[in-house]
N, C-alpha and C. Protein backbone atom coordinates (compact mmCIF):
# COMPACT_ATOMS: atom_id res chain seq x y z
N MET A 1 60.26 4.87 -54.42
CA MET A 1 59.18 3.48 -55.43
C MET A 1 60.34 2.66 -54.95
N SER A 2 59.57 1.00 -54.90
CA SER A 2 60.19 0.06 -55.36
C SER A 2 60.25 -0.63 -56.55
N ASP A 3 61.18 -1.22 -56.81
CA ASP A 3 61.23 -1.88 -58.21
C ASP A 3 60.57 -3.28 -57.99
N GLU A 4 60.00 -3.37 -57.26
CA GLU A 4 59.43 -4.64 -57.25
C GLU A 4 58.25 -4.93 -57.66
N PRO A 5 57.18 -5.89 -58.57
CA PRO A 5 56.45 -6.04 -58.74
C PRO A 5 55.02 -5.96 -57.31
N ILE A 6 53.90 -5.41 -58.20
CA ILE A 6 52.88 -5.47 -56.91
C ILE A 6 51.94 -6.34 -57.17
N TYR A 7 51.30 -7.17 -56.35
CA TYR A 7 50.45 -8.32 -56.81
C TYR A 7 48.64 -7.47 -55.95
N ARG A 8 47.83 -8.03 -56.43
CA ARG A 8 46.62 -7.72 -56.07
C ARG A 8 45.65 -8.88 -56.22
N HIS A 9 45.31 -9.14 -55.25
CA HIS A 9 44.21 -10.75 -55.71
C HIS A 9 42.90 -10.07 -55.41
N LEU A 10 41.87 -10.54 -56.57
CA LEU A 10 40.71 -10.08 -56.56
C LEU A 10 39.93 -11.02 -55.54
N ALA A 11 40.05 -11.36 -54.84
CA ALA A 11 39.49 -12.38 -53.46
C ALA A 11 39.61 -11.35 -52.22
N THR A 12 40.83 -10.82 -52.53
CA THR A 12 41.00 -10.19 -50.99
C THR A 12 41.14 -8.46 -51.16
N LEU A 13 40.47 -8.41 -52.20
CA LEU A 13 40.69 -6.51 -52.90
C LEU A 13 39.73 -5.99 -51.21
N GLU A 14 39.86 -4.51 -51.35
CA GLU A 14 39.22 -3.83 -50.23
C GLU A 14 38.51 -2.80 -51.48
N TRP A 15 37.24 -2.45 -51.04
CA TRP A 15 36.54 -2.10 -52.20
C TRP A 15 35.86 -0.81 -51.48
N GLU A 16 36.18 -0.01 -52.45
CA GLU A 16 35.52 1.38 -51.95
C GLU A 16 34.28 1.72 -51.99
N THR A 17 33.81 3.10 -50.96
CA THR A 17 32.52 3.39 -51.06
C THR A 17 32.12 4.63 -51.26
N ALA A 18 30.93 5.20 -51.58
CA ALA A 18 30.85 6.55 -51.61
C ALA A 18 31.72 7.63 -51.05
N LYS A 19 32.11 7.35 -49.28
CA LYS A 19 32.81 8.30 -48.68
C LYS A 19 33.97 8.53 -49.15
N ASP A 20 34.63 6.92 -50.43
CA ASP A 20 36.10 7.12 -50.22
C ASP A 20 36.19 8.04 -51.79
N GLN A 21 35.49 8.42 -52.55
CA GLN A 21 35.33 9.16 -53.44
C GLN A 21 35.66 10.76 -53.72
N LYS A 22 36.25 11.32 -54.69
CA LYS A 22 35.96 12.57 -55.21
C LYS A 22 34.67 13.14 -55.30
N ALA A 23 34.77 14.46 -54.94
CA ALA A 23 33.80 15.35 -54.48
C ALA A 23 32.66 15.21 -56.28
N GLU A 24 33.50 15.32 -57.16
CA GLU A 24 32.56 15.16 -58.47
C GLU A 24 31.97 14.03 -58.97
N VAL A 25 32.43 12.82 -58.11
CA VAL A 25 31.88 11.33 -58.69
C VAL A 25 30.86 10.87 -57.41
N ALA A 26 30.76 11.87 -56.62
CA ALA A 26 29.86 11.36 -54.89
C ALA A 26 28.35 11.19 -55.13
N ALA A 27 27.28 11.78 -55.82
CA ALA A 27 26.26 11.61 -56.30
C ALA A 27 25.98 10.01 -57.07
N LEU A 28 27.02 9.79 -58.04
CA LEU A 28 27.22 8.64 -58.12
C LEU A 28 27.84 7.52 -57.83
N ALA A 29 28.27 7.79 -56.76
CA ALA A 29 29.01 7.08 -56.19
C ALA A 29 27.98 6.23 -54.83
N GLU A 30 27.14 7.64 -54.54
CA GLU A 30 26.13 6.79 -53.57
C GLU A 30 25.05 5.94 -54.17
N GLN A 31 24.66 6.37 -55.29
CA GLN A 31 23.78 6.05 -55.88
C GLN A 31 24.49 4.05 -56.29
N ALA A 32 25.28 4.43 -56.62
CA ALA A 32 26.27 2.78 -56.63
C ALA A 32 26.24 2.14 -55.82
N ASP A 33 26.64 2.75 -54.70
CA ASP A 33 26.47 1.95 -53.27
C ASP A 33 25.69 1.37 -53.17
N GLU A 34 24.40 2.02 -53.46
CA GLU A 34 22.92 1.51 -52.77
C GLU A 34 22.58 0.43 -53.83
N LEU A 35 22.89 -0.09 -55.22
CA LEU A 35 22.53 -0.59 -56.11
C LEU A 35 23.25 -1.81 -56.30
N GLY A 36 24.56 -1.33 -55.37
CA GLY A 36 25.56 -2.97 -55.21
C GLY A 36 26.63 -2.91 -56.46
N ALA A 37 27.20 -2.05 -56.79
CA ALA A 37 28.40 -1.59 -57.58
C ALA A 37 29.45 -1.23 -56.65
N ARG A 38 30.64 -1.19 -57.38
CA ARG A 38 31.89 -1.15 -56.34
C ARG A 38 32.99 -1.17 -57.31
N ARG A 39 34.09 -0.87 -56.67
CA ARG A 39 35.73 -0.18 -57.25
C ARG A 39 36.37 -0.19 -56.17
N SER A 40 37.45 -0.82 -57.01
CA SER A 40 38.64 -0.89 -56.04
C SER A 40 40.04 -0.67 -56.81
N ARG A 41 40.55 0.27 -56.23
CA ARG A 41 41.89 0.79 -56.86
C ARG A 41 42.83 -0.25 -56.69
N LEU A 42 43.39 -0.85 -58.03
CA LEU A 42 44.51 -1.73 -57.64
C LEU A 42 46.27 -1.08 -57.76
N THR A 43 46.14 0.15 -58.38
CA THR A 43 47.23 0.85 -58.45
C THR A 43 46.78 2.48 -58.19
N THR A 44 47.84 3.27 -57.64
CA THR A 44 47.72 4.95 -57.81
C THR A 44 48.77 5.26 -57.98
N GLY A 45 49.67 5.12 -59.11
CA GLY A 45 50.60 5.77 -59.80
C GLY A 45 51.84 4.79 -59.55
N GLN A 46 51.76 3.66 -58.94
CA GLN A 46 53.05 2.94 -58.93
C GLN A 46 53.61 2.39 -60.15
N HIS A 47 54.80 2.14 -60.52
CA HIS A 47 55.52 2.28 -61.71
C HIS A 47 54.72 2.88 -62.94
N GLY A 48 53.94 3.95 -62.45
CA GLY A 48 53.73 4.74 -63.68
C GLY A 48 52.02 4.72 -64.12
N PHE A 49 51.45 3.64 -63.28
CA PHE A 49 50.09 3.29 -63.79
C PHE A 49 49.09 3.74 -62.49
N HIS A 50 47.90 3.90 -63.07
CA HIS A 50 46.49 4.41 -62.15
C HIS A 50 45.30 2.91 -63.08
N SER A 51 45.24 2.32 -62.00
CA SER A 51 44.17 1.76 -62.55
C SER A 51 42.96 1.13 -61.43
N HIS A 52 41.63 0.87 -61.98
CA HIS A 52 40.93 0.42 -61.01
C HIS A 52 39.94 -1.16 -61.62
N ILE A 53 39.55 -1.84 -60.48
CA ILE A 53 38.79 -3.00 -61.21
C ILE A 53 37.07 -2.28 -60.36
N SER A 54 36.14 -2.51 -61.58
CA SER A 54 34.65 -1.92 -61.20
C SER A 54 33.81 -3.06 -61.59
N GLU A 55 32.64 -3.02 -60.38
CA GLU A 55 31.55 -4.21 -60.73
C GLU A 55 30.36 -3.30 -60.79
N MET A 56 29.33 -3.91 -61.65
CA MET A 56 28.24 -3.22 -61.84
C MET A 56 26.97 -4.29 -61.84
N PRO A 57 26.06 -3.64 -61.08
CA PRO A 57 24.85 -4.35 -61.69
C PRO A 57 23.91 -3.92 -62.95
N ALA A 58 23.04 -5.48 -63.71
CA ALA A 58 22.38 -4.70 -64.80
C ALA A 58 21.54 -3.65 -64.59
N GLY A 59 21.56 -3.16 -65.73
CA GLY A 59 20.64 -1.81 -65.84
C GLY A 59 21.48 -0.52 -65.47
N PHE A 60 22.65 -0.45 -64.51
CA PHE A 60 23.43 0.48 -64.17
C PHE A 60 23.64 1.66 -64.92
N GLU A 61 23.09 3.01 -65.04
CA GLU A 61 23.94 3.54 -65.78
C GLU A 61 24.73 4.90 -65.21
N VAL A 62 25.85 4.85 -66.01
CA VAL A 62 26.95 5.81 -65.87
C VAL A 62 26.59 6.74 -67.04
N PRO A 63 26.22 8.17 -66.62
CA PRO A 63 25.85 9.20 -67.55
C PRO A 63 27.52 9.90 -67.83
N PRO A 64 27.15 10.54 -69.10
CA PRO A 64 27.73 11.12 -70.11
C PRO A 64 28.68 12.02 -69.21
N HIS A 65 29.81 11.74 -69.13
CA HIS A 65 31.21 12.32 -68.39
C HIS A 65 32.64 12.56 -69.74
N THR A 66 33.48 13.25 -68.75
CA THR A 66 34.99 13.14 -69.58
C THR A 66 35.99 12.86 -68.38
N HIS A 67 36.97 12.77 -69.06
CA HIS A 67 38.25 12.46 -67.82
C HIS A 67 39.31 13.41 -69.09
N ASN A 68 40.30 13.99 -67.87
CA ASN A 68 41.22 14.73 -68.47
C ASN A 68 42.20 13.97 -68.89
N VAL A 69 42.51 12.39 -68.77
CA VAL A 69 43.55 11.70 -69.11
C VAL A 69 42.64 10.34 -70.01
N SER A 70 43.26 10.22 -70.87
CA SER A 70 43.44 9.01 -71.70
C SER A 70 43.04 7.61 -71.07
N GLU A 71 42.29 6.71 -71.19
CA GLU A 71 42.18 5.35 -70.63
C GLU A 71 42.07 4.03 -71.31
N LEU A 72 42.43 3.18 -71.06
CA LEU A 72 42.10 1.51 -71.55
C LEU A 72 40.95 1.24 -70.24
N MET A 73 39.95 0.30 -70.93
CA MET A 73 38.78 -0.45 -70.25
C MET A 73 38.96 -1.61 -71.38
N VAL A 74 38.73 -2.69 -70.21
CA VAL A 74 38.91 -4.07 -70.52
C VAL A 74 37.64 -4.60 -69.68
N ILE A 75 37.08 -5.12 -70.74
CA ILE A 75 35.56 -5.83 -69.86
C ILE A 75 35.73 -7.33 -69.72
N LEU A 76 35.93 -7.18 -68.43
CA LEU A 76 36.27 -8.65 -67.95
C LEU A 76 35.59 -9.85 -67.40
N GLU A 77 34.53 -9.25 -67.54
CA GLU A 77 32.80 -10.28 -67.46
C GLU A 77 31.59 -9.19 -68.15
N GLY A 78 30.89 -9.87 -68.75
CA GLY A 78 29.67 -9.03 -68.90
C GLY A 78 29.45 -8.30 -69.69
N SER A 79 28.90 -6.93 -69.80
CA SER A 79 28.86 -6.04 -71.10
C SER A 79 28.40 -4.86 -70.84
N ILE A 80 28.39 -4.20 -71.72
CA ILE A 80 27.98 -2.62 -71.58
C ILE A 80 27.62 -2.05 -73.14
N ASP A 81 26.46 -0.92 -73.01
CA ASP A 81 26.16 -0.12 -74.30
C ASP A 81 26.48 1.19 -74.47
N VAL A 82 27.55 1.56 -74.85
CA VAL A 82 28.17 2.49 -74.72
C VAL A 82 27.11 3.55 -75.40
N SER A 83 27.28 5.00 -75.30
CA SER A 83 26.18 5.97 -75.24
C SER A 83 26.05 6.06 -76.94
N ASP A 84 27.76 5.61 -78.14
CA ASP A 84 27.89 6.12 -79.14
C ASP A 84 26.63 4.78 -79.91
N GLY A 85 26.20 3.96 -79.27
CA GLY A 85 25.84 2.69 -79.84
C GLY A 85 26.62 1.46 -79.64
N THR A 86 27.72 1.21 -79.76
CA THR A 86 28.56 0.36 -79.33
C THR A 86 28.42 -0.69 -78.16
N GLN A 87 28.30 -2.01 -78.54
CA GLN A 87 27.99 -2.89 -77.73
C GLN A 87 29.76 -3.52 -76.89
N LEU A 88 29.71 -3.53 -75.96
CA LEU A 88 31.30 -4.56 -75.33
C LEU A 88 31.21 -5.55 -74.90
N ALA A 89 31.53 -6.56 -74.37
CA ALA A 89 31.42 -7.67 -74.30
C ALA A 89 32.62 -7.77 -73.52
N THR A 90 32.29 -9.21 -72.68
CA THR A 90 33.49 -10.21 -72.44
C THR A 90 34.77 -10.40 -73.39
N GLY A 91 36.20 -9.90 -72.75
CA GLY A 91 36.78 -9.38 -73.14
C GLY A 91 37.48 -8.48 -74.25
N ASP A 92 36.26 -7.74 -74.70
CA ASP A 92 36.54 -6.06 -75.57
C ASP A 92 37.48 -5.47 -74.87
N THR A 93 38.01 -4.18 -75.35
CA THR A 93 38.48 -3.29 -75.27
C THR A 93 37.73 -2.23 -75.53
N VAL A 94 38.31 -0.91 -75.34
CA VAL A 94 37.98 0.44 -75.82
C VAL A 94 39.59 1.17 -75.13
N VAL A 95 39.84 2.39 -75.94
CA VAL A 95 41.10 3.35 -75.74
C VAL A 95 40.17 4.50 -75.53
N ILE A 96 40.03 4.93 -74.78
CA ILE A 96 38.90 6.30 -74.59
C ILE A 96 40.12 7.37 -74.43
N PRO A 97 40.16 8.60 -75.38
CA PRO A 97 41.28 9.66 -75.56
C PRO A 97 40.82 10.41 -74.36
N ALA A 98 41.71 11.30 -73.94
CA ALA A 98 41.18 12.23 -72.56
C ALA A 98 39.84 13.20 -73.39
N ASP A 99 38.97 13.65 -72.53
CA ASP A 99 38.01 14.36 -73.10
C ASP A 99 37.05 14.12 -73.70
N HIS A 100 37.25 12.89 -73.98
CA HIS A 100 36.04 12.39 -75.06
C HIS A 100 34.75 11.92 -74.04
N LEU A 101 33.40 12.36 -74.36
CA LEU A 101 32.21 12.42 -73.53
C LEU A 101 31.53 10.96 -74.11
N TYR A 102 31.47 10.58 -73.16
CA TYR A 102 30.84 8.98 -73.26
C TYR A 102 30.27 8.46 -72.33
N GLY A 103 29.23 7.89 -71.96
CA GLY A 103 28.62 7.25 -70.68
C GLY A 103 28.37 5.64 -71.64
N PHE A 104 27.79 4.75 -70.44
CA PHE A 104 27.24 3.60 -71.13
C PHE A 104 26.10 2.84 -69.60
N THR A 105 25.41 1.95 -70.35
CA THR A 105 24.73 1.02 -69.52
C THR A 105 25.22 -0.10 -69.36
N VAL A 106 24.93 -0.71 -68.13
CA VAL A 106 24.96 -2.44 -67.94
C VAL A 106 24.13 -2.98 -68.27
N GLY A 107 24.71 -4.05 -69.18
CA GLY A 107 24.11 -5.09 -69.95
C GLY A 107 23.19 -6.38 -68.70
N ASP A 108 22.37 -7.25 -69.29
CA ASP A 108 21.62 -7.55 -68.38
C ASP A 108 22.33 -8.75 -67.31
N ASP A 109 23.62 -8.97 -67.91
CA ASP A 109 24.52 -9.76 -66.82
C ASP A 109 25.19 -9.21 -66.10
N GLY A 110 25.47 -7.57 -65.86
CA GLY A 110 26.08 -7.16 -65.62
C GLY A 110 27.49 -6.57 -65.92
N VAL A 111 28.54 -6.13 -64.92
CA VAL A 111 30.22 -6.24 -65.58
C VAL A 111 30.70 -5.73 -64.92
N ARG A 112 31.79 -6.46 -65.40
CA ARG A 112 33.23 -6.38 -64.84
C ARG A 112 34.48 -5.74 -65.28
N PHE A 113 35.01 -4.59 -64.95
CA PHE A 113 36.10 -4.07 -65.92
C PHE A 113 36.93 -3.79 -65.55
N LEU A 114 37.88 -3.36 -65.93
CA LEU A 114 39.84 -2.87 -65.58
C LEU A 114 39.34 -1.93 -66.11
N VAL A 115 39.87 -0.67 -65.36
CA VAL A 115 40.62 0.82 -65.99
C VAL A 115 41.85 1.05 -65.97
N ALA A 116 42.66 1.45 -67.00
CA ALA A 116 44.18 1.44 -66.46
C ALA A 116 44.24 3.04 -67.48
N ARG A 117 44.98 3.73 -66.27
CA ARG A 117 45.52 4.90 -67.09
C ARG A 117 46.92 5.14 -66.60
N VAL A 118 47.85 6.60 -66.97
CA VAL A 118 49.20 6.86 -66.84
C VAL A 118 49.10 7.93 -65.58
N ALA A 119 47.90 8.45 -65.41
CA ALA A 119 48.16 9.43 -64.55
C ALA A 119 46.64 9.37 -63.91
N GLU A 120 46.70 10.09 -62.61
CA GLU A 120 44.93 9.85 -61.97
C GLU A 120 44.27 10.51 -63.00
N ALA A 121 43.01 10.47 -62.72
CA ALA A 121 41.83 11.56 -63.74
C ALA A 121 40.95 12.12 -62.69
N ALA A 122 40.71 13.20 -63.71
CA ALA A 122 39.36 14.30 -63.19
C ALA A 122 38.30 13.36 -63.90
N THR A 123 36.84 13.86 -63.10
CA THR A 123 35.90 13.30 -64.13
C THR A 123 34.70 14.51 -64.20
N ASN A 124 34.68 15.05 -65.33
CA ASN A 124 33.57 15.72 -65.38
C ASN A 124 32.22 15.76 -66.27
N PHE A 125 31.12 15.65 -65.52
CA PHE A 125 29.70 15.22 -66.09
C PHE A 125 29.31 16.06 -66.59
N SER A 126 28.95 15.85 -67.72
CA SER A 126 28.06 16.47 -68.91
C SER A 126 26.63 16.68 -68.22
N GLU A 127 26.27 18.07 -68.47
CA GLU A 127 25.07 18.30 -67.74
C GLU A 127 24.02 18.67 -68.90
C-alpha cells in the first residue's frame, strides 16, 4: 500500500449500480437505482478506511438493518429521520455501533451522506 494521500473529487466519482452490490443488498440496490439513489466507494481499505458517499431522493426508505462493523455517518446535505425518532440534518453526525439495528427515511430535500468504517461491512436486514 502506498503511503501517499488518496484524493477523490465528487465531480468525477464513479457511481455504483445494483449490479455492483453484494447479494444481501441487491433488492434495495435495484430499488435505489430506479429511484435515482446512488453510492460511490471512496476508499476500500486504503490506509485502514472503508468509506462511501451516498445520495438518496426524498422519501427513500432504508429498512431496518445491522452492520457487523461500527460506522460514522456524516450528513453532508439534506436530512434523514432515523427509526428511533432522531432527525439528522446537514452537518449532523452519528456513530452507529456494530450490530445496532436501525433504518431511516430520507427527508423532503433528499440527502447526501458520508459513511466511514475501519473494515468492510456485511449488512443484515431485519425480517
